Amino acid sequence: MIGTIAKREILEYLKSAKFLIGLLLTLAIAVGSTVINVQDFQQRQQDYVAAQNEMKGNLFDISIYRPPQVLSILVQGKDRILGNKASVNYLAVPDRLSGYMGSRYTERQRSLSGFGFVDFAFLVRVVLSLMVVFLAYNAVAEEKSFGTLKLALANALPRHHILLGKFFAGLAIVLGSLLAAAAVAVLILLTQPTLKLTGDDGLRIASLIVASALYLIVFYTLSLLVSTAINRPSIALMVLLQLWVFLVVIYPHLGMDIAEHFYRLPTDRELSQRKQAAEASTDDEFKKVRDAYFKDYSPESGSRYLELQIVRSQKTHDVDRDFGLQLSRQRELAQRIAILSPAVLFDRMAERYARTGIDEYERFMRSVVWYWQTKYLGLQRLRYKDLNAYRKAQAPALDHPAERTAESWVATLPQGFVLGFVSLVFFGLAYTAFLKKDVR
């Protein structure tokens, strides 16, 4: 009986204009955004290769470039916002990234296309979740208002059969729409000869689809709950739209505002003062060593001058590191406050799988600092030990291993658990409310 009800509901969904319009809009956005993002990635990849080639031979001020992530085509995340270039020299430990050539061209291309901030993650987070709301808001409320629910129950049809039939039917439509959009996006990726997708990328795409499904199921079960609890479809839709705006738009920003209010960070001026104070302890010695080096330019004085520069750079880096820890604590507080926002949880999972979030940025910066402390400083010390060997040397490459997919799964397990648990709670409440519902 549940299967019969589910088939009938699926046919009703497939014949509805709102589903057809929503599906066509979803596929159109999936095609348009993926094509534009592919072009953008290809341009950024060319910029990355060109920038690397131009910097060859420079041993003093070495530029390290973060390669664009191929899955940023599907999840832009913060890949662009956080920068791509680190300038490495002995005067300072790099603490942040900047942009590199080509960014203006690609940004202009994206803005003119109208898909400047649209990707697959946006499609799921906004378009598909709204589509779910519009599909399920009247799943029960409409039958109650039309009297068909009372008629169905008059035939001794078990109540839980009706609800389960509706649930599985709606779930099939929601997941089917998601898979259709994902299939279109992945097909476009596979048809691009310049893109090199690995098996690991395939696992990450599959993980992204699972995270998307968990996110959409939250809104589907929430819609089913509201449709069961409220008898008038128009009121149910209004309530759901208000809940959607709060959970997707207001609540995440509210969490950040609260975190910024209760966890104050030092200003740029305060950071500058702290760095000056950290260097002040070595000012006298630094002036003596510097004057001695500029007087005779001997390898011994040059080596002492370099080592003192390194000490001063590490002291200022300690200030930046402390600031980074405070910033991480503020971000963690904001995430804890907004832990019940499905959008926040989904974004964290999607960005982790695509390697376009804060976590990947921090991993890259740790690699850059390690590179400065080991390979770069070792090269600079060689200049005063063996100048000929230094002149023949090449700039060492950065060793930055990508995060393994298994590590990403472990890191996103809490977010996935919360999304699944919230869905179970919404469905349990909807199930209980339907069993007790007055259908007269």
Protein backbone atom coordinates (compact mmCIF):
# COMPACT_ATOMS: atom_id res chain seq x y z
CA MET A 1 0.00 0.00 0.00
CA ILE A 2 2.86 2.39 0.79
CA GLY A 3 4.31 1.74 -2.65
CA THR A 4 0.97 2.45 -4.34
CA ILE A 5 0.60 5.74 -2.51
CA ALA A 6 4.20 6.67 -3.33
CA LYS A 7 3.70 5.98 -7.05
CA ARG A 8 0.55 8.11 -7.11
CA GLU A 9 2.34 10.96 -5.35
CA ILE A 10 5.30 10.76 -7.70
CA LEU A 11 2.99 11.00 -10.73
CA GLU A 12 1.31 14.02 -9.18
CA TYR A 13 4.68 15.69 -8.66
CA LEU A 14 5.81 14.94 -12.21
CA LYS A 15 2.64 16.42 -13.67
CA SER A 16 2.79 19.60 -11.55
CA ALA A 17 3.89 22.82 -13.22
CA LYS A 18 5.89 23.95 -10.19
CA PHE A 19 8.06 20.82 -10.35
CA LEU A 20 8.68 21.10 -14.09
CA ILE A 21 9.52 24.79 -13.82
CA GLY A 22 11.79 24.17 -10.84
CA LEU A 23 13.57 21.28 -12.55
CA LEU A 24 14.14 23.21 -15.78
CA LEU A 25 15.43 26.21 -13.83
CA THR A 26 17.74 23.95 -11.83
CA LEU A 27 19.18 22.30 -14.93
CA ALA A 28 19.62 25.63 -16.69
CA ILE A 29 21.53 27.08 -13.76
CA ALA A 30 23.60 23.90 -13.44
CA VAL A 31 24.63 24.11 -17.10
CA GLY A 32 25.27 27.86 -17.16
CA SER A 33 27.20 28.10 -13.90
CA THR A 34 29.32 25.00 -14.59
CA VAL A 35 30.31 26.17 -18.07
CA ILE A 36 31.27 29.63 -16.79
CA ASN A 37 33.16 28.17 -13.83
CA VAL A 38 35.06 25.79 -16.11
CA GLN A 39 36.20 28.71 -18.26
CA ASP A 40 37.16 30.62 -15.14
CA PHE A 41 39.17 27.68 -13.78
CA GLN A 42 40.99 27.23 -17.08
CA GLN A 43 41.94 30.92 -17.08
CA ARG A 44 43.14 30.74 -13.48
CA GLN A 45 45.15 27.62 -14.30
CA GLN A 46 46.85 29.46 -17.16
CA ASP A 47 47.57 32.40 -14.86
CA TYR A 48 49.05 30.02 -12.30
CA VAL A 49 51.39 28.38 -14.82
CA ALA A 50 52.45 31.74 -16.28
CA ALA A 51 53.12 33.21 -12.84
CA GLN A 52 55.27 30.23 -11.87
CA ASN A 53 57.32 30.47 -15.06
CA GLU A 54 57.98 34.19 -14.59
CA MET A 55 59.36 33.73 -11.09
CA LYS A 56 61.98 31.10 -12.00
CA GLY A 57 65.54 32.11 -11.14
CA ASN A 58 64.67 34.44 -8.26
CA LEU A 59 66.35 33.10 -5.10
CA PHE A 60 65.82 36.00 -2.71
CA ASP A 61 62.17 37.05 -2.99
CA ILE A 62 60.48 33.78 -3.92
CA SER A 63 56.78 33.73 -4.81
CA ILE A 64 54.76 30.63 -3.97
CA TYR A 65 51.47 30.16 -5.77
CA ARG A 66 48.54 28.13 -4.54
CA PRO A 67 47.15 26.18 -7.51
CA PRO A 68 43.44 26.55 -8.23
CA GLN A 69 41.39 23.60 -7.06
CA VAL A 70 39.57 21.79 -9.87
CA LEU A 71 36.52 21.22 -7.67
CA SER A 72 36.23 24.97 -7.16
CA ILE A 73 34.21 24.70 -10.37
CA LEU A 74 31.48 23.13 -8.24
CA VAL A 75 32.18 24.84 -4.92
CA GLN A 76 33.90 28.22 -5.11
CA GLY A 77 33.97 28.57 -1.34
CA LYS A 78 36.67 31.00 -0.27
CA ASP A 79 39.19 29.93 -2.89
CA ARG A 80 39.32 33.38 -4.48
CA ILE A 81 38.74 35.55 -1.43
CA LEU A 82 41.74 34.22 0.51
CA GLY A 83 44.32 34.81 -2.23
CA ASN A 84 46.79 32.64 -4.13
CA LYS A 85 50.28 34.13 -3.75
CA ALA A 86 52.77 34.12 -0.86
CA SER A 87 55.93 36.24 -1.09
CA VAL A 88 58.76 34.55 0.80
CA ASN A 89 61.90 36.37 1.97
CA TYR A 90 63.98 36.49 5.15
CA LEU A 91 62.57 39.89 6.16
CA ALA A 92 59.22 38.43 7.22
CA VAL A 93 57.43 35.12 7.57
CA PRO A 94 54.47 35.13 5.16
CA ASP A 95 51.22 35.29 7.13
CA ARG A 96 48.66 35.78 4.37
CA LEU A 97 48.16 35.38 0.65
CA SER A 98 47.50 37.95 -2.05
CA GLY A 99 46.14 37.66 -5.59
CA TYR A 100 48.09 37.17 -8.77
CA MET A 101 47.82 38.22 -12.39
CA GLY A 102 44.68 37.50 -14.35
CA SER A 103 42.24 37.91 -11.48
CA ARG A 104 40.72 41.08 -12.92
CA TYR A 105 40.09 39.45 -16.27
CA THR A 106 38.43 36.38 -14.83
CA GLU A 107 36.37 38.40 -12.35
CA ARG A 108 35.12 40.64 -15.17
CA GLN A 109 34.28 37.57 -17.27
CA ARG A 110 32.25 36.10 -14.42
CA SER A 111 30.38 39.32 -13.61
CA LEU A 112 29.44 39.91 -17.24
CA SER A 113 28.15 36.37 -17.53
CA GLY A 114 25.80 36.83 -14.58
CA PHE A 115 27.22 33.81 -12.74
CA GLY A 116 29.73 35.64 -10.56
CA PHE A 117 28.68 33.92 -7.35
CA VAL A 118 26.81 30.86 -8.64
CA ASP A 119 28.10 27.31 -8.46
CA PHE A 120 26.73 23.87 -7.70
CA ALA A 121 26.86 24.52 -3.96
CA PHE A 122 24.79 27.70 -4.42
CA LEU A 123 22.36 25.76 -6.58
CA VAL A 124 21.81 23.25 -3.78
CA ARG A 125 21.87 25.70 -0.90
CA VAL A 126 19.39 28.17 -2.41
CA VAL A 127 17.62 27.00 -5.57
CA LEU A 128 17.00 23.34 -4.76
CA SER A 129 16.16 23.98 -1.10
CA LEU A 130 13.54 26.55 -2.16
CA MET A 131 12.25 24.10 -4.74
CA VAL A 132 11.84 21.52 -1.96
CA VAL A 133 9.86 24.00 0.11
CA PHE A 134 7.51 24.84 -2.77
CA LEU A 135 7.01 21.16 -3.57
CA ALA A 136 6.30 19.90 -0.06
CA TYR A 137 4.55 22.78 1.71
CA ASN A 138 1.12 21.41 0.74
CA ALA A 139 1.87 17.68 0.93
CA VAL A 140 -0.61 17.22 3.79
CA ALA A 141 -2.18 20.65 4.27
CA GLU A 142 -3.75 20.70 0.81
CA GLU A 143 -5.38 17.29 1.20
CA LYS A 144 -6.70 18.37 4.59
CA SER A 145 -8.18 21.59 3.20
CA PHE A 146 -9.75 19.77 0.20
CA GLY A 147 -11.15 16.94 2.34
CA THR A 148 -9.34 14.18 0.42
CA LEU A 149 -7.37 13.21 3.51
CA LYS A 150 -10.59 12.53 5.44
CA LEU A 151 -11.93 10.49 2.53
CA ALA A 152 -8.77 8.37 2.33
CA LEU A 153 -8.82 7.60 6.03
CA ALA A 154 -12.52 6.69 5.84
CA ASN A 155 -11.46 3.62 3.80
CA ALA A 156 -9.62 2.20 6.80
CA LEU A 157 -6.26 3.13 5.28
CA PRO A 158 -3.57 3.19 8.02
CA ARG A 159 -2.40 6.70 8.71
CA HIS A 160 1.27 5.85 8.74
CA HIS A 161 0.94 4.29 5.28
CA ILE A 162 -0.24 7.63 3.90
CA LEU A 163 2.56 9.61 5.52
CA LEU A 164 5.26 7.12 4.56
CA GLY A 165 3.99 7.00 0.99
CA LYS A 166 4.13 10.79 0.76
CA PHE A 167 7.54 10.85 2.40
CA PHE A 168 9.14 8.33 0.06
CA ALA A 169 7.55 9.95 -2.98
CA GLY A 170 8.79 13.40 -2.06
CA LEU A 171 12.18 12.02 -1.17
CA ALA A 172 12.46 10.37 -4.58
CA ILE A 173 11.59 13.63 -6.32
CA VAL A 174 14.03 15.66 -4.23
CA LEU A 175 16.92 13.26 -4.69
CA GLY A 176 16.07 12.75 -8.34
CA SER A 177 16.27 16.50 -8.96
CA LEU A 178 19.59 16.66 -7.12
CA LEU A 179 21.05 13.76 -9.10
CA ALA A 180 19.87 15.29 -12.38
CA ALA A 181 21.63 18.57 -11.59
CA ALA A 182 24.76 16.75 -10.41
CA ALA A 183 24.80 14.54 -13.51
CA VAL A 184 24.65 17.59 -15.78
CA ALA A 185 27.49 19.32 -13.93
CA VAL A 186 29.70 16.22 -13.83
CA LEU A 187 29.05 15.47 -17.49
CA ILE A 188 30.28 18.93 -18.41
CA LEU A 189 33.43 18.34 -16.36
CA LEU A 190 34.09 15.01 -18.01
CA THR A 191 33.76 16.47 -21.51
CA GLN A 192 36.51 19.05 -20.87
CA PRO A 193 39.82 17.69 -22.19
CA THR A 194 41.87 20.18 -20.16
CA LEU A 195 40.45 19.04 -16.83
CA LYS A 196 42.25 16.19 -15.15
CA LEU A 197 39.88 14.54 -12.70
CA THR A 198 41.30 11.77 -10.55
CA GLY A 199 39.62 8.95 -8.69
CA ASP A 200 40.02 11.00 -5.51
CA ASP A 201 38.12 13.85 -7.18
CA GLY A 202 35.35 11.41 -8.02
CA LEU A 203 35.08 10.37 -4.37
CA ARG A 204 34.94 13.99 -3.33
CA ILE A 205 32.21 14.75 -5.85
CA ALA A 206 30.23 11.77 -4.56
CA SER A 207 30.74 13.05 -1.00
CA LEU A 208 29.49 16.48 -2.08
CA ILE A 209 26.34 14.90 -3.52
CA VAL A 210 25.73 13.00 -0.28
CA ALA A 211 26.16 16.21 1.73
CA SER A 212 23.74 17.95 -0.64
CA ALA A 213 21.20 15.18 -0.13
CA LEU A 214 21.45 15.45 3.65
CA TYR A 215 20.95 19.21 3.40
CA LEU A 216 17.89 18.96 1.16
CA ILE A 217 16.33 16.22 3.28
CA VAL A 218 16.40 18.62 6.25
CA PHE A 219 14.21 21.09 4.36
CA TYR A 220 12.01 18.34 3.01
CA THR A 221 11.27 16.88 6.45
CA LEU A 222 10.80 20.39 7.84
CA SER A 223 8.31 21.14 5.06
CA LEU A 224 6.50 17.89 5.77
CA LEU A 225 6.29 18.80 9.46
CA VAL A 226 4.90 22.27 8.80
CA SER A 227 2.46 20.92 6.22
CA THR A 228 1.21 18.41 8.77
CA ALA A 229 0.96 20.88 11.64
CA ILE A 230 -0.76 23.67 9.66
CA ASN A 231 -4.03 23.04 7.83
CA ARG A 232 -3.99 25.95 5.38
CA PRO A 233 -1.43 25.59 2.55
CA SER A 234 -0.94 29.36 2.16
CA ILE A 235 -0.02 29.77 5.82
CA ALA A 236 2.23 26.71 5.69
CA LEU A 237 4.11 28.21 2.73
CA MET A 238 4.49 31.56 4.47
CA VAL A 239 5.85 29.90 7.62
CA LEU A 240 8.28 27.77 5.63
CA LEU A 241 9.61 30.71 3.66
CA GLN A 242 10.22 32.63 6.86
CA LEU A 243 12.00 29.64 8.36
CA TRP A 244 14.09 29.26 5.21
CA VAL A 245 15.18 32.91 5.29
CA PHE A 246 16.09 32.63 8.96
CA LEU A 247 18.02 29.35 8.65
CA VAL A 248 19.83 30.16 5.39
CA VAL A 249 20.34 33.93 5.55
CA ILE A 250 19.80 35.48 8.97
CA TYR A 251 20.98 32.83 11.42
CA PRO A 252 24.47 32.30 9.90
CA HIS A 253 25.19 36.04 9.87
CA LEU A 254 23.76 36.39 13.36
CA GLY A 255 26.24 33.81 14.62
CA MET A 256 29.17 35.77 13.18
CA ASP A 257 27.88 39.07 14.61
CA ILE A 258 27.55 37.55 18.07
CA ALA A 259 31.01 36.00 17.88
CA GLU A 260 32.57 39.31 16.81
CA HIS A 261 30.80 41.10 19.67
CA PHE A 262 31.90 38.69 22.41
CA TYR A 263 35.32 37.83 21.00
CA ARG A 264 37.10 41.02 20.08
CA LEU A 265 40.17 40.85 17.83
CA PRO A 266 43.06 43.35 17.85
CA THR A 267 43.03 46.04 15.18
CA ASP A 268 45.72 46.43 12.52
CA ARG A 269 47.20 49.28 14.54
CA GLU A 270 47.39 47.15 17.67
CA LEU A 271 49.03 44.33 15.71
CA SER A 272 51.59 46.75 14.31
CA GLN A 273 52.38 48.02 17.79
CA ARG A 274 52.80 44.46 19.10
CA LYS A 275 55.20 43.66 16.26
CA GLN A 276 57.24 46.78 16.95
CA ALA A 277 57.40 45.86 20.62
CA ALA A 278 58.50 42.32 19.74
CA GLU A 279 61.33 43.65 17.57
CA ALA A 280 62.36 46.32 20.09
CA SER A 281 64.24 43.79 22.24
CA THR A 282 66.73 43.24 19.41
CA ASP A 283 66.96 46.81 18.08
CA ASP A 284 70.34 47.68 19.62
CA GLU A 285 72.00 44.47 18.56
CA PHE A 286 70.40 44.69 15.13
CA LYS A 287 71.84 48.17 14.50
CA LYS A 288 75.34 47.06 15.48
CA VAL A 289 75.22 43.94 13.30
CA ARG A 290 73.74 45.88 10.39
CA ASP A 291 76.41 48.61 10.58
CA ALA A 292 79.14 45.99 10.72
CA TYR A 293 77.76 44.20 7.68
CA PHE A 294 77.41 47.37 5.61
CA LYS A 295 81.00 48.29 6.58
CA ASP A 296 82.88 45.20 5.43
CA TYR A 297 80.30 42.95 3.64
CA SER A 298 82.16 39.92 4.91
CA PRO A 299 80.48 36.47 4.92
CA GLU A 300 80.76 36.36 8.72
CA SER A 301 79.00 39.68 9.30
CA GLY A 302 76.51 38.87 6.56
CA SER A 303 75.69 35.56 8.24
CA ARG A 304 75.18 37.27 11.61
CA TYR A 305 73.02 39.91 9.95
CA LEU A 306 70.89 37.21 8.30
CA GLU A 307 70.43 35.26 11.54
CA LEU A 308 69.33 38.37 13.41
CA GLN A 309 66.89 39.22 10.63
CA ILE A 310 65.49 35.70 10.98
CA VAL A 311 65.07 36.14 14.74
CA ARG A 312 63.20 39.42 14.25
CA SER A 313 61.02 37.85 11.55
CA GLN A 314 60.11 34.96 13.82
CA LYS A 315 59.17 37.36 16.62
CA THR A 316 56.74 39.23 14.37
CA HIS A 317 55.46 35.90 13.07
CA ASP A 318 54.64 34.90 16.64
CA VAL A 319 52.37 37.95 16.82
CA ASP A 320 50.67 36.97 13.56
CA ARG A 321 50.34 33.38 14.77
CA ASP A 322 48.64 34.49 17.98
CA PHE A 323 46.27 36.63 15.96
CA GLY A 324 45.51 33.67 13.70
CA LEU A 325 44.69 31.54 16.74
CA GLN A 326 42.32 34.22 18.04
CA LEU A 327 40.71 34.47 14.62
CA SER A 328 40.23 30.70 14.55
CA ARG A 329 38.62 30.77 17.98
CA GLN A 330 36.24 33.50 16.86
CA ARG A 331 35.34 31.51 13.77
CA GLU A 332 34.80 28.36 15.82
CA LEU A 333 32.52 30.28 18.20
CA ALA A 334 30.47 31.59 15.27
CA GLN A 335 30.16 28.06 13.90
CA ARG A 336 29.04 26.71 17.26
CA ILE A 337 26.41 29.41 17.55
CA ALA A 338 25.12 28.67 14.05
CA ILE A 339 25.42 24.89 14.41
CA LEU A 340 21.68 24.41 13.81
CA SER A 341 21.79 26.24 10.49
CA PRO A 342 21.68 23.61 7.71
CA ALA A 343 23.29 26.11 5.35
CA VAL A 344 26.34 26.58 7.60
CA LEU A 345 26.78 22.84 8.04
CA PHE A 346 26.40 22.19 4.32
CA ASP A 347 28.87 24.93 3.37
CA ARG A 348 31.48 23.54 5.73
CA MET A 349 31.11 20.05 4.26
CA ALA A 350 31.06 21.25 0.64
CA GLU A 351 34.12 23.48 1.05
CA ARG A 352 36.02 20.70 2.80
CA TYR A 353 35.34 18.25 -0.02
CA ALA A 354 36.26 20.82 -2.70
CA ARG A 355 39.32 22.05 -0.74
CA THR A 356 38.13 25.65 -1.07
CA GLY A 357 37.50 26.55 2.57
CA ILE A 358 39.36 28.11 5.48
CA ASP A 359 40.72 24.73 6.54
CA GLU A 360 42.57 24.20 3.27
CA TYR A 361 43.87 27.77 3.37
CA GLU A 362 45.29 27.24 6.87
CA ARG A 363 46.88 23.95 5.79
CA PHE A 364 48.55 25.72 2.88
CA MET A 365 49.82 28.53 5.12
CA ARG A 366 51.33 25.99 7.52
CA SER A 367 53.15 24.47 4.56
CA VAL A 368 54.41 27.93 3.53
CA VAL A 369 55.73 28.63 7.05
CA TRP A 370 57.44 25.23 7.12
CA TYR A 371 58.93 26.00 3.69
CA TRP A 372 60.29 29.33 4.99
CA GLN A 373 61.78 27.79 8.12
CA THR A 374 63.48 24.88 6.36
CA LYS A 375 64.08 25.16 2.63
CA TYR A 376 64.14 28.93 2.13
CA LEU A 377 66.33 29.82 5.12
CA GLY A 378 68.63 26.93 4.27
CA LEU A 379 69.07 28.42 0.80
CA GLN A 380 69.79 31.91 2.17
CA ARG A 381 72.37 30.58 4.65
CA LEU A 382 74.10 28.88 1.73
CA ARG A 383 74.82 32.33 0.28
CA TYR A 384 77.29 33.08 3.09
CA LYS A 385 78.70 29.57 3.30
CA ASP A 386 79.28 28.81 -0.40
CA LEU A 387 78.44 31.66 -2.78
CA ASN A 388 79.15 29.62 -5.92
CA ALA A 389 76.81 26.85 -4.80
CA TYR A 390 74.19 29.48 -4.00
CA ARG A 391 74.41 30.98 -7.49
CA LYS A 392 73.96 27.54 -9.06
CA ALA A 393 71.04 26.62 -6.83
CA GLN A 394 67.41 26.72 -7.87
CA ALA A 395 64.46 27.89 -5.84
CA PRO A 396 63.17 24.87 -3.89
CA ALA A 397 59.65 23.70 -4.58
CA LEU A 398 56.91 23.78 -1.97
CA ASP A 399 55.82 20.41 -0.68
CA HIS A 400 52.13 20.70 0.14
CA PRO A 401 50.39 17.30 0.20
CA ALA A 402 46.65 17.47 -0.40
CA GLU A 403 44.31 16.42 2.36
CA ARG A 404 43.25 12.82 1.94
CA THR A 405 39.60 12.12 1.30
CA ALA A 406 39.41 9.92 4.40
CA GLU A 407 40.59 12.88 6.48
CA SER A 408 37.89 15.05 4.95
CA TRP A 409 35.28 12.43 5.81
CA VAL A 410 36.40 12.33 9.43
CA ALA A 411 36.41 16.14 9.64
CA THR A 412 32.89 16.47 8.20
CA LEU A 413 31.37 13.58 10.11
CA PRO A 414 29.95 15.83 12.88
CA GLN A 415 28.22 18.12 10.37
CA GLY A 416 26.73 15.16 8.52
CA PHE A 417 25.56 13.65 11.79
CA VAL A 418 23.81 16.88 12.81
CA LEU A 419 22.06 17.18 9.44
CA GLY A 420 20.89 13.57 9.63
CA PHE A 421 19.78 13.91 13.26
CA VAL A 422 17.81 17.10 12.54
CA SER A 423 16.05 15.36 9.65
CA LEU A 424 15.12 12.44 11.90
CA VAL A 425 13.74 14.85 14.51
CA PHE A 426 11.64 16.72 11.94
CA PHE A 427 10.33 13.47 10.48
CA GLY A 428 9.56 12.06 13.93
CA LEU A 429 7.61 15.18 14.84
CA ALA A 430 5.77 15.09 11.51
CA TYR A 431 4.96 11.40 12.00
CA THR A 432 3.62 11.98 15.52
CA ALA A 433 1.63 15.04 14.46
CA PHE A 434 0.07 13.16 11.53
CA LEU A 435 -0.99 10.22 13.70
CA LYS A 436 -2.76 12.63 16.06
CA LYS A 437 -4.08 14.98 13.39
CA ASP A 438 -7.77 15.82 13.33
CA VAL A 439 -8.83 15.32 9.69
CA ARG A 440 -12.47 16.37 10.12
